[in-house]
Amino acid sequence: MDVKLKIGLRIKNLRELASMSQKDLAYAANLDRSYIASVENGQRNISIVNIEKIANALNVSLKEFFDYEEFNNASTSIN
């Protein structure tokens, strides 16, 4: 699975666990809702700065964000 999709799915999972809409997350992270949607769909190459904004908005540390089984899968492709 592509790393952009893995990150997007992680954001979506954490957002749903927090009972937030894409609009709520976008507002809390000071990002656009359409940007959040494209990241969750694996269509954007998100920066670490924006990952940190999203993690903060979801009340998780970067360590917690990346402590995810899918990131430990050795088959991550680099594109």
Protein backbone atom coordinates (compact mmCIF):
# COMPACT_ATOMS: atom_id res chain seq x y z
CA MET A 1 0.00 0.00 0.00
CA ASP A 2 1.25 3.48 -0.87
CA VAL A 3 2.50 5.52 2.11
CA LYS A 4 0.23 8.46 1.17
CA LEU A 5 -2.78 6.16 1.43
CA LYS A 6 -1.54 4.72 4.74
CA ILE A 7 -1.25 8.21 6.22
CA GLY A 8 -4.65 9.16 4.86
CA LEU A 9 -6.28 6.08 6.34
CA ARG A 10 -4.59 6.75 9.68
CA ILE A 11 -5.95 10.30 9.72
CA LYS A 12 -9.43 9.09 8.80
CA ASN A 13 -9.30 6.42 11.51
CA LEU A 14 -8.20 8.87 14.20
CA ARG A 15 -10.74 11.45 13.03
CA GLU A 16 -13.57 8.93 13.24
CA LEU A 17 -12.39 7.77 16.69
CA ALA A 18 -12.58 11.41 17.78
CA SER A 19 -16.10 11.69 16.29
CA MET A 20 -15.01 14.57 14.10
CA SER A 21 -16.15 15.44 10.59
CA GLN A 22 -13.63 16.47 7.95
CA LYS A 23 -14.91 20.01 8.39
CA ASP A 24 -14.32 19.86 12.18
CA LEU A 25 -10.79 18.54 11.69
CA ALA A 26 -10.00 21.10 9.02
CA TYR A 27 -11.14 23.92 11.29
CA ALA A 28 -9.19 22.59 14.29
CA ALA A 29 -6.02 22.13 12.20
CA ASN A 30 -6.44 25.42 10.31
CA LEU A 31 -6.53 23.58 6.96
CA ASP A 32 -9.09 23.40 4.17
CA ARG A 33 -11.74 20.65 4.26
CA SER A 34 -11.00 19.66 0.66
CA TYR A 35 -7.33 19.30 1.62
CA ILE A 36 -8.28 16.91 4.44
CA ALA A 37 -10.43 14.90 2.02
CA SER A 38 -7.64 14.61 -0.55
CA VAL A 39 -5.12 13.57 2.13
CA GLU A 40 -7.49 10.92 3.48
CA ASN A 41 -7.91 9.57 -0.05
CA GLY A 42 -4.14 9.34 -0.55
CA GLN A 43 -4.15 11.99 -3.27
CA ARG A 44 -1.82 14.45 -1.53
CA ASN A 45 1.79 14.25 -0.50
CA ILE A 46 1.24 15.75 2.96
CA SER A 47 4.07 17.58 4.72
CA ILE A 48 5.23 16.70 8.21
CA VAL A 49 4.15 20.22 9.27
CA ASN A 50 0.56 19.45 8.27
CA ILE A 51 0.73 15.98 9.84
CA GLU A 52 1.69 17.70 13.10
CA LYS A 53 -1.21 20.19 12.76
CA ILE A 54 -3.63 17.31 12.21
CA ALA A 55 -2.19 15.24 15.06
CA ASN A 56 -2.50 18.22 17.40
CA ALA A 57 -6.09 18.80 16.28
CA LEU A 58 -6.81 15.13 17.01
CA ASN A 59 -5.06 15.35 20.41
CA VAL A 60 -2.45 12.72 19.57
CA SER A 61 1.32 13.02 19.61
CA LEU A 62 3.38 12.35 16.50
CA LYS A 63 4.60 9.18 18.23
CA GLU A 64 1.02 8.01 18.68
CA PHE A 65 0.19 9.00 15.12
CA PHE A 66 2.98 6.85 13.68
CA ASP A 67 2.54 4.01 16.19
CA TYR A 68 0.25 2.19 13.80
CA GLU A 69 0.49 -1.37 12.49
CA GLU A 70 0.22 -0.31 8.83
CA PHE A 71 3.36 1.84 9.16
CA ASN A 72 5.33 -1.17 10.40
CA ASN A 73 4.56 -3.14 7.24
CA ALA A 74 7.78 -3.62 5.27
CA SER A 75 5.95 -3.44 1.94
CA THR A 76 5.59 0.36 2.03
CA SER A 77 6.34 1.66 -1.44
CA ILE A 78 8.16 4.91 -2.01
CA ASN A 79 6.54 6.96 -4.77
